[in-house]
Amino acid sequence: GKGSRVGNVVISEGRQLHDSTDVHTGARKDGIYR
């Protein structure tokens, strides 16, 4: 089934450890820890 897999994370290229916020949109960009 689709709901049983755990511990699977996709980290995009150029992502940083910590969260950051975009100046223009104010949206939070999740960091690797998140």
Full PDB file with SEQRES, HELIX, SHEET, SSBOND, CRYST1, ORIGX, SCALE, CONECT and MASTER records, all heavy atoms in Angstrom:
SEQRES   1 A   34  GLY LYS GLY SER ARG VAL GLY ASN VAL VAL ILE SER GLU          
SEQRES   2 A   34  GLY ARG GLN LEU HIS ASP SER THR ASP VAL HIS THR GLY          
SEQRES   3 A   34  ALA ARG LYS ASP GLY ILE TYR ARG                              
SHEET    1 AA1 2 SER A  20  THR A  21  0                                        
SHEET    2 AA1 2 ARG A  28  LYS A  29 -1                                        
CRYST1    1.000    1.000    1.000  90.00  90.00  90.00 P 1           1          
ORIGX1      1.000000  0.000000  0.000000        0.00000                         
ORIGX2      0.000000  1.000000  0.000000        0.00000                         
ORIGX3      0.000000  0.000000  1.000000        0.00000                         
SCALE1      1.000000  0.000000  0.000000        0.00000                         
SCALE2      0.000000  1.000000  0.000000        0.00000                         
SCALE3      0.000000  0.000000  1.000000        0.00000                         
ATOM      1  N   GLY A   1       0.811  -1.210   0.000  1.00  0.00           N  
ATOM      2  CA  GLY A   1       0.000   0.000   0.000  1.00  0.00           C  
ATOM      3  C   GLY A   1       0.844   1.259   0.000  1.00  0.00           C  
ATOM      4  O   GLY A   1       2.060   1.226   0.216  1.00  0.00           O  
ATOM      5  N   LYS A   2       0.214   2.393  -0.208  1.00  0.00           N  
ATOM      6  CA  LYS A   2       0.944   3.654  -0.341  1.00  0.00           C  
ATOM      7  C   LYS A   2       1.233   4.316   1.002  1.00  0.00           C  
ATOM      8  O   LYS A   2       2.113   5.165   1.092  1.00  0.00           O  
ATOM      9  CB  LYS A   2       0.142   4.627  -1.203  1.00  0.00           C  
ATOM     10  CG  LYS A   2      -0.010   4.169  -2.655  1.00  0.00           C  
ATOM     11  CD  LYS A   2      -0.770   5.201  -3.476  1.00  0.00           C  
ATOM     12  CE  LYS A   2      -0.892   4.759  -4.928  1.00  0.00           C  
ATOM     13  NZ  LYS A   2      -1.635   5.756  -5.757  1.00  0.00           N  
ATOM     14  N   GLY A   3       0.520   3.961   2.038  1.00  0.00           N  
ATOM     15  CA  GLY A   3       0.663   4.688   3.288  1.00  0.00           C  
ATOM     16  C   GLY A   3       1.626   4.092   4.290  1.00  0.00           C  
ATOM     17  O   GLY A   3       1.810   4.654   5.381  1.00  0.00           O  
ATOM     18  N   SER A   4       2.271   2.985   3.964  1.00  0.00           N  
ATOM     19  CA  SER A   4       3.098   2.308   4.966  1.00  0.00           C  
ATOM     20  C   SER A   4       4.566   2.731   4.933  1.00  0.00           C  
ATOM     21  O   SER A   4       5.298   2.480   5.888  1.00  0.00           O  
ATOM     22  CB  SER A   4       3.011   0.789   4.774  1.00  0.00           C  
ATOM     23  OG  SER A   4       3.504   0.423   3.504  1.00  0.00           O  
ATOM     24  N   ARG A   5       5.006   3.345   3.857  1.00  0.00           N  
ATOM     25  CA  ARG A   5       6.418   3.697   3.776  1.00  0.00           C  
ATOM     26  C   ARG A   5       6.729   4.883   4.679  1.00  0.00           C  
ATOM     27  O   ARG A   5       6.017   5.887   4.678  1.00  0.00           O  
ATOM     28  CB  ARG A   5       6.818   4.029   2.339  1.00  0.00           C  
ATOM     29  CG  ARG A   5       8.331   4.132   2.155  1.00  0.00           C  
ATOM     30  CD  ARG A   5       8.725   4.175   0.707  1.00  0.00           C  
ATOM     31  NE  ARG A   5      10.175   4.212   0.545  1.00  0.00           N  
ATOM     32  CZ  ARG A   5      10.793   4.238  -0.628  1.00  0.00           C  
ATOM     33  NH1 ARG A   5      10.075   4.252  -1.752  1.00  0.00           N  
ATOM     34  NH2 ARG A   5      12.112   4.252  -0.689  1.00  0.00           N  
ATOM     35  N   VAL A   6       7.809   4.787   5.416  1.00  0.00           N  
ATOM     36  CA  VAL A   6       8.229   5.831   6.352  1.00  0.00           C  
ATOM     37  C   VAL A   6       9.732   6.064   6.184  1.00  0.00           C  
ATOM     38  O   VAL A   6      10.440   5.253   5.586  1.00  0.00           O  
ATOM     39  CB  VAL A   6       7.910   5.443   7.815  1.00  0.00           C  
ATOM     40  CG1 VAL A   6       6.412   5.382   8.058  1.00  0.00           C  
ATOM     41  CG2 VAL A   6       8.559   4.100   8.169  1.00  0.00           C  
ATOM     42  N   GLY A   7      10.210   7.199   6.719  1.00  0.00           N  
ATOM     43  CA  GLY A   7      11.637   7.484   6.671  1.00  0.00           C  
ATOM     44  C   GLY A   7      12.154   7.768   5.278  1.00  0.00           C  
ATOM     45  O   GLY A   7      13.353   7.626   5.030  1.00  0.00           O  
ATOM     46  N   ASN A   8      11.286   8.187   4.387  1.00  0.00           N  
ATOM     47  CA  ASN A   8      11.680   8.499   3.011  1.00  0.00           C  
ATOM     48  C   ASN A   8      11.614  10.014   2.810  1.00  0.00           C  
ATOM     49  O   ASN A   8      10.549  10.610   2.942  1.00  0.00           O  
ATOM     50  CB  ASN A   8      10.755   7.782   2.020  1.00  0.00           C  
ATOM     51  CG  ASN A   8      11.090   8.088   0.582  1.00  0.00           C  
ATOM     52  OD1 ASN A   8      10.317   8.731  -0.124  1.00  0.00           O  
ATOM     53  ND2 ASN A   8      12.238   7.630   0.127  1.00  0.00           N  
ATOM     54  N   VAL A   9      12.760  10.621   2.513  1.00  0.00           N  
ATOM     55  CA  VAL A   9      12.827  12.075   2.400  1.00  0.00           C  
ATOM     56  C   VAL A   9      13.454  12.453   1.064  1.00  0.00           C  
ATOM     57  O   VAL A   9      14.399  11.810   0.613  1.00  0.00           O  
ATOM     58  CB  VAL A   9      13.632  12.694   3.568  1.00  0.00           C  
ATOM     59  CG1 VAL A   9      15.050  12.168   3.622  1.00  0.00           C  
ATOM     60  CG2 VAL A   9      13.604  14.206   3.504  1.00  0.00           C  
ATOM     61  N   VAL A  10      12.872  13.491   0.449  1.00  0.00           N  
ATOM     62  CA  VAL A  10      13.404  14.027  -0.804  1.00  0.00           C  
ATOM     63  C   VAL A  10      13.973  15.410  -0.519  1.00  0.00           C  
ATOM     64  O   VAL A  10      13.248  16.306  -0.083  1.00  0.00           O  
ATOM     65  CB  VAL A  10      12.322  14.099  -1.886  1.00  0.00           C  
ATOM     66  CG1 VAL A  10      12.895  14.703  -3.172  1.00  0.00           C  
ATOM     67  CG2 VAL A  10      11.744  12.716  -2.157  1.00  0.00           C  
ATOM     68  N   ILE A  11      15.272  15.557  -0.741  1.00  0.00           N  
ATOM     69  CA  ILE A  11      15.953  16.829  -0.485  1.00  0.00           C  
ATOM     70  C   ILE A  11      16.339  17.425  -1.837  1.00  0.00           C  
ATOM     71  O   ILE A  11      17.085  16.813  -2.599  1.00  0.00           O  
ATOM     72  CB  ILE A  11      17.204  16.611   0.393  1.00  0.00           C  
ATOM     73  CG1 ILE A  11      16.789  16.036   1.752  1.00  0.00           C  
ATOM     74  CG2 ILE A  11      17.980  17.904   0.561  1.00  0.00           C  
ATOM     75  CD1 ILE A  11      17.949  15.655   2.640  1.00  0.00           C  
ATOM     76  N   SER A  12      15.820  18.591  -2.111  1.00  0.00           N  
ATOM     77  CA  SER A  12      16.097  19.226  -3.397  1.00  0.00           C  
ATOM     78  C   SER A  12      17.506  19.811  -3.405  1.00  0.00           C  
ATOM     79  O   SER A  12      18.092  20.120  -2.362  1.00  0.00           O  
ATOM     80  CB  SER A  12      15.071  20.328  -3.675  1.00  0.00           C  
ATOM     81  OG  SER A  12      15.118  21.310  -2.655  1.00  0.00           O  
ATOM     82  N   GLU A  13      18.049  19.973  -4.620  1.00  0.00           N  
ATOM     83  CA  GLU A  13      19.390  20.526  -4.782  1.00  0.00           C  
ATOM     84  C   GLU A  13      19.440  21.967  -4.270  1.00  0.00           C  
ATOM     85  O   GLU A  13      18.537  22.768  -4.515  1.00  0.00           O  
ATOM     86  CB  GLU A  13      19.799  20.490  -6.251  1.00  0.00           C  
ATOM     87  CG  GLU A  13      19.919  19.102  -6.840  1.00  0.00           C  
ATOM     88  CD  GLU A  13      18.609  18.545  -7.354  1.00  0.00           C  
ATOM     89  OE1 GLU A  13      17.552  19.171  -7.072  1.00  0.00           O  
ATOM     90  OE2 GLU A  13      18.626  17.508  -8.020  1.00  0.00           O  
ATOM     91  N   GLY A  14      20.488  22.280  -3.547  1.00  0.00           N  
ATOM     92  CA  GLY A  14      20.670  23.639  -3.054  1.00  0.00           C  
ATOM     93  C   GLY A  14      19.933  23.955  -1.773  1.00  0.00           C  
ATOM     94  O   GLY A  14      19.965  25.097  -1.299  1.00  0.00           O  
ATOM     95  N   ARG A  15      19.300  22.945  -1.152  1.00  0.00           N  
ATOM     96  CA  ARG A  15      18.550  23.205   0.084  1.00  0.00           C  
ATOM     97  C   ARG A  15      19.521  23.289   1.256  1.00  0.00           C  
ATOM     98  O   ARG A  15      20.514  22.575   1.330  1.00  0.00           O  
ATOM     99  CB  ARG A  15      17.513  22.115   0.325  1.00  0.00           C  
ATOM    100  CG  ARG A  15      16.473  22.486   1.396  1.00  0.00           C  
ATOM    101  CD  ARG A  15      15.361  21.464   1.434  1.00  0.00           C  
ATOM    102  NE  ARG A  15      14.573  21.488   0.199  1.00  0.00           N  
ATOM    103  CZ  ARG A  15      13.498  22.258   0.017  1.00  0.00           C  
ATOM    104  NH1 ARG A  15      13.091  23.058   0.984  1.00  0.00           N  
ATOM    105  NH2 ARG A  15      12.848  22.206  -1.121  1.00  0.00           N  
ATOM    106  N   GLN A  16      19.188  24.170   2.205  1.00  0.00           N  
ATOM    107  CA  GLN A  16      20.027  24.384   3.380  1.00  0.00           C  
ATOM    108  C   GLN A  16      19.491  23.639   4.593  1.00  0.00           C  
ATOM    109  O   GLN A  16      18.336  23.176   4.596  1.00  0.00           O  
ATOM    110  CB  GLN A  16      20.111  25.877   3.675  1.00  0.00           C  
ATOM    111  CG  GLN A  16      20.732  26.681   2.539  1.00  0.00           C  
ATOM    112  CD  GLN A  16      20.625  28.188   2.767  1.00  0.00           C  
ATOM    113  OE1 GLN A  16      19.807  28.656   3.567  1.00  0.00           O  
ATOM    114  NE2 GLN A  16      21.443  28.960   2.062  1.00  0.00           N  
ATOM    115  N   LEU A  17      20.326  23.526   5.638  1.00  0.00           N  
ATOM    116  CA  LEU A  17      19.907  22.808   6.841  1.00  0.00           C  
ATOM    117  C   LEU A  17      18.694  23.444   7.506  1.00  0.00           C  
ATOM    118  O   LEU A  17      17.779  22.753   7.936  1.00  0.00           O  
ATOM    119  CB  LEU A  17      21.054  22.754   7.853  1.00  0.00           C  
ATOM    120  CG  LEU A  17      22.145  21.698   7.670  1.00  0.00           C  
ATOM    121  CD1 LEU A  17      23.201  21.858   8.755  1.00  0.00           C  
ATOM    122  CD2 LEU A  17      21.560  20.284   7.702  1.00  0.00           C  
ATOM    123  N   HIS A  18      18.700  24.784   7.590  1.00  0.00           N  
ATOM    124  CA  HIS A  18      17.683  25.487   8.363  1.00  0.00           C  
ATOM    125  C   HIS A  18      16.619  26.122   7.459  1.00  0.00           C  
ATOM    126  O   HIS A  18      16.856  26.357   6.273  1.00  0.00           O  
ATOM    127  CB  HIS A  18      18.330  26.562   9.242  1.00  0.00           C  
ATOM    128  CG  HIS A  18      19.351  26.023  10.194  1.00  0.00           C  
ATOM    129  ND1 HIS A  18      20.676  25.859   9.860  1.00  0.00           N  
ATOM    130  CD2 HIS A  18      19.230  25.583  11.476  1.00  0.00           C  
ATOM    131  CE1 HIS A  18      21.339  25.358  10.887  1.00  0.00           C  
ATOM    132  NE2 HIS A  18      20.482  25.172  11.882  1.00  0.00           N  
ATOM    133  N   ASP A  19      15.467  26.408   8.062  1.00  0.00           N  
ATOM    134  CA  ASP A  19      14.396  27.081   7.338  1.00  0.00           C  
ATOM    135  C   ASP A  19      14.824  28.499   6.966  1.00  0.00           C  
ATOM    136  O   ASP A  19      15.642  29.133   7.660  1.00  0.00           O  
ATOM    137  CB  ASP A  19      13.128  27.152   8.197  1.00  0.00           C  
ATOM    138  CG  ASP A  19      12.563  25.769   8.512  1.00  0.00           C  
ATOM    139  OD1 ASP A  19      12.941  24.803   7.820  1.00  0.00           O  
ATOM    140  OD2 ASP A  19      11.743  25.665   9.451  1.00  0.00           O  
ATOM    141  N   SER A  20      14.272  29.003   5.887  1.00  0.00           N  
ATOM    142  CA  SER A  20      14.494  30.396   5.479  1.00  0.00           C  
ATOM    143  C   SER A  20      13.184  30.955   4.935  1.00  0.00           C  
ATOM    144  O   SER A  20      12.249  30.202   4.642  1.00  0.00           O  
ATOM    145  CB  SER A  20      15.599  30.496   4.418  1.00  0.00           C  
ATOM    146  OG  SER A  20      15.242  29.752   3.273  1.00  0.00           O  
ATOM    147  N   THR A  21      13.141  32.284   4.779  1.00  0.00           N  
ATOM    148  CA  THR A  21      11.916  32.952   4.306  1.00  0.00           C  
ATOM    149  C   THR A  21      12.228  33.789   3.081  1.00  0.00           C  
ATOM    150  O   THR A  21      13.236  34.505   3.054  1.00  0.00           O  
ATOM    151  CB  THR A  21      11.328  33.860   5.405  1.00  0.00           C  
ATOM    152  OG1 THR A  21      11.092  33.072   6.584  1.00  0.00           O  
ATOM    153  CG2 THR A  21      10.020  34.495   4.957  1.00  0.00           C  
ATOM    154  N   ASP A  22      11.365  33.674   2.074  1.00  0.00           N  
ATOM    155  CA  ASP A  22      11.561  34.448   0.857  1.00  0.00           C  
ATOM    156  C   ASP A  22      11.158  35.907   1.086  1.00  0.00           C  
ATOM    157  O   ASP A  22      10.099  36.185   1.652  1.00  0.00           O  
ATOM    158  CB  ASP A  22      10.724  33.858  -0.283  1.00  0.00           C  
ATOM    159  CG  ASP A  22      11.003  34.541  -1.600  1.00  0.00           C  
ATOM    160  OD1 ASP A  22      11.963  34.133  -2.280  1.00  0.00           O  
ATOM    161  OD2 ASP A  22      10.252  35.476  -1.941  1.00  0.00           O  
ATOM    162  N   VAL A  23      12.014  36.826   0.635  1.00  0.00           N  
ATOM    163  CA  VAL A  23      11.760  38.256   0.841  1.00  0.00           C  
ATOM    164  C   VAL A  23      10.475  38.688   0.149  1.00  0.00           C  
ATOM    165  O   VAL A  23       9.672  39.447   0.708  1.00  0.00           O  
ATOM    166  CB  VAL A  23      12.957  39.083   0.327  1.00  0.00           C  
ATOM    167  CG1 VAL A  23      12.599  40.562   0.260  1.00  0.00           C  
ATOM    168  CG2 VAL A  23      14.171  38.857   1.212  1.00  0.00           C  
ATOM    169  N   HIS A  24      10.234  38.227  -1.047  1.00  0.00           N  
ATOM    170  CA  HIS A  24       9.115  38.703  -1.853  1.00  0.00           C  
ATOM    171  C   HIS A  24       7.782  38.105  -1.424  1.00  0.00           C  
ATOM    172  O   HIS A  24       6.765  38.799  -1.394  1.00  0.00           O  
ATOM    173  CB  HIS A  24       9.369  38.395  -3.329  1.00  0.00           C  
ATOM    174  CG  HIS A  24      10.553  39.111  -3.899  1.00  0.00           C  
ATOM    175  ND1 HIS A  24      10.550  40.455  -4.218  1.00  0.00           N  
ATOM    176  CD2 HIS A  24      11.799  38.656  -4.180  1.00  0.00           C  
ATOM    177  CE1 HIS A  24      11.737  40.805  -4.694  1.00  0.00           C  
ATOM    178  NE2 HIS A  24      12.511  39.719  -4.682  1.00  0.00           N  
ATOM    179  N   THR A  25       7.754  36.805  -1.099  1.00  0.00           N  
ATOM    180  CA  THR A  25       6.480  36.146  -0.800  1.00  0.00           C  
ATOM    181  C   THR A  25       6.230  35.932   0.692  1.00  0.00           C  
ATOM    182  O   THR A  25       5.089  35.723   1.103  1.00  0.00           O  
ATOM    183  CB  THR A  25       6.425  34.779  -1.493  1.00  0.00           C  
ATOM    184  OG1 THR A  25       7.442  33.926  -0.948  1.00  0.00           O  
ATOM    185  CG2 THR A  25       6.669  34.926  -2.994  1.00  0.00           C  
ATOM    186  N   GLY A  26       7.280  35.943   1.474  1.00  0.00           N  
ATOM    187  CA  GLY A  26       7.124  35.663   2.907  1.00  0.00           C  
ATOM    188  C   GLY A  26       6.924  34.188   3.207  1.00  0.00           C  
ATOM    189  O   GLY A  26       6.718  33.802   4.365  1.00  0.00           O  
ATOM    190  N   ALA A  27       6.973  33.361   2.172  1.00  0.00           N  
ATOM    191  CA  ALA A  27       6.775  31.928   2.375  1.00  0.00           C  
ATOM    192  C   ALA A  27       8.005  31.288   3.011  1.00  0.00           C  
ATOM    193  O   ALA A  27       9.140  31.687   2.739  1.00  0.00           O  
ATOM    194  CB  ALA A  27       6.466  31.258   1.046  1.00  0.00           C  
ATOM    195  N   ARG A  28       7.746  30.338   3.845  1.00  0.00           N  
ATOM    196  CA  ARG A  28       8.851  29.620   4.477  1.00  0.00           C  
ATOM    197  C   ARG A  28       9.371  28.555   3.532  1.00  0.00           C  
ATOM    198  O   ARG A  28       8.590  27.778   2.970  1.00  0.00           O  
ATOM    199  CB  ARG A  28       8.393  28.978   5.782  1.00  0.00           C  
ATOM    200  CG  ARG A  28       9.516  28.279   6.564  1.00  0.00           C  
ATOM    201  CD  ARG A  28       8.986  27.554   7.785  1.00  0.00           C  
ATOM    202  NE  ARG A  28       8.285  26.319   7.419  1.00  0.00           N  
ATOM    203  CZ  ARG A  28       7.596  25.585   8.282  1.00  0.00           C  
ATOM    204  NH1 ARG A  28       7.482  25.975   9.551  1.00  0.00           N  
ATOM    205  NH2 ARG A  28       6.982  24.486   7.883  1.00  0.00           N  
ATOM    206  N   LYS A  29      10.659  28.513   3.402  1.00  0.00           N  
ATOM    207  CA  LYS A  29      11.283  27.438   2.642  1.00  0.00           C  
ATOM    208  C   LYS A  29      11.857  26.453   3.648  1.00  0.00           C  
ATOM    209  O   LYS A  29      12.785  26.782   4.392  1.00  0.00           O  
ATOM    210  CB  LYS A  29      12.390  27.983   1.733  1.00  0.00           C  
ATOM    211  CG  LYS A  29      13.010  26.908   0.857  1.00  0.00           C  
ATOM    212  CD  LYS A  29      14.043  27.488  -0.097  1.00  0.00           C  
ATOM    213  CE  LYS A  29      14.612  26.399  -1.003  1.00  0.00           C  
ATOM    214  NZ  LYS A  29      15.604  26.953  -1.961  1.00  0.00           N  
ATOM    215  N   ASP A  30      11.280  25.257   3.683  1.00  0.00           N  
ATOM    216  CA  ASP A  30      11.690  24.262   4.673  1.00  0.00           C  
ATOM    217  C   ASP A  30      13.142  23.844   4.458  1.00  0.00           C  
ATOM    218  O   ASP A  30      13.572  23.576   3.327  1.00  0.00           O  
ATOM    219  CB  ASP A  30      10.800  23.033   4.586  1.00  0.00           C  
ATOM    220  CG  ASP A  30       9.377  23.303   5.040  1.00  0.00           C  
ATOM    221  OD1 ASP A  30       9.156  24.341   5.700  1.00  0.00           O  
ATOM    222  OD2 ASP A  30       8.500  22.477   4.727  1.00  0.00           O  
ATOM    223  N   GLY A  31      13.862  23.791   5.574  1.00  0.00           N  
ATOM    224  CA  GLY A  31      15.241  23.319   5.522  1.00  0.00           C  
ATOM    225  C   GLY A  31      15.311  21.792   5.604  1.00  0.00           C  
ATOM    226  O   GLY A  31      14.299  21.095   5.735  1.00  0.00           O  
ATOM    227  N   ILE A  32      16.509  21.278   5.538  1.00  0.00           N  
ATOM    228  CA  ILE A  32      16.703  19.827   5.560  1.00  0.00           C  
ATOM    229  C   ILE A  32      16.223  19.223   6.875  1.00  0.00           C  
ATOM    230  O   ILE A  32      15.592  18.152   6.890  1.00  0.00           O  
ATOM    231  CB  ILE A  32      18.191  19.491   5.311  1.00  0.00           C  
ATOM    232  CG1 ILE A  32      18.576  19.886   3.887  1.00  0.00           C  
ATOM    233  CG2 ILE A  32      18.472  18.015   5.552  1.00  0.00           C  
ATOM    234  CD1 ILE A  32      20.048  19.724   3.575  1.00  0.00           C  
ATOM    235  N   TYR A  33      16.484  19.899   7.982  1.00  0.00           N  
ATOM    236  CA  TYR A  33      16.013  19.379   9.267  1.00  0.00           C  
ATOM    237  C   TYR A  33      14.487  19.249   9.279  1.00  0.00           C  
ATOM    238  O   TYR A  33      13.938  18.276   9.803  1.00  0.00           O  
ATOM    239  CB  TYR A  33      16.463  20.295  10.412  1.00  0.00           C  
ATOM    240  CG  TYR A  33      17.934  20.167  10.782  1.00  0.00           C  
ATOM    241  CD1 TYR A  33      18.629  21.259  11.301  1.00  0.00           C  
ATOM    242  CD2 TYR A  33      18.612  18.966  10.637  1.00  0.00           C  
ATOM    243  CE1 TYR A  33      19.969  21.163  11.649  1.00  0.00           C  
ATOM    244  CE2 TYR A  33      19.948  18.868  10.980  1.00  0.00           C  
ATOM    245  CZ  TYR A  33      20.627  19.957  11.476  1.00  0.00           C  
ATOM    246  OH  TYR A  33      21.957  19.844  11.826  1.00  0.00           O  
ATOM    247  N   ARG A  34      13.798  20.211   8.712  1.00  0.00           N  
ATOM    248  CA  ARG A  34      12.333  20.170   8.662  1.00  0.00           C  
ATOM    249  C   ARG A  34      11.866  19.002   7.788  1.00  0.00           C  
ATOM    250  O   ARG A  34      10.909  18.301   8.138  1.00  0.00           O  
ATOM    251  CB  ARG A  34      11.791  21.486   8.103  1.00  0.00           C  
ATOM    252  CG  ARG A  34      10.279  21.589   8.055  1.00  0.00           C  
ATOM    253  CD  ARG A  34       9.663  21.884   9.392  1.00  0.00           C  
ATOM    254  NE  ARG A  34      10.168  23.152   9.908  1.00  0.00           N  
ATOM    255  CZ  ARG A  34       9.859  23.624  11.126  1.00  0.00           C  
ATOM    256  NH1 ARG A  34       9.081  22.919  11.934  1.00  0.00           N  
ATOM    257  NH2 ARG A  34      10.342  24.789  11.551  1.00  0.00           N  
TER     258      ARG A  34                                                      
MASTER        0    0    0    0    2    0    0    6  257    1    0    3          
END                                                                             
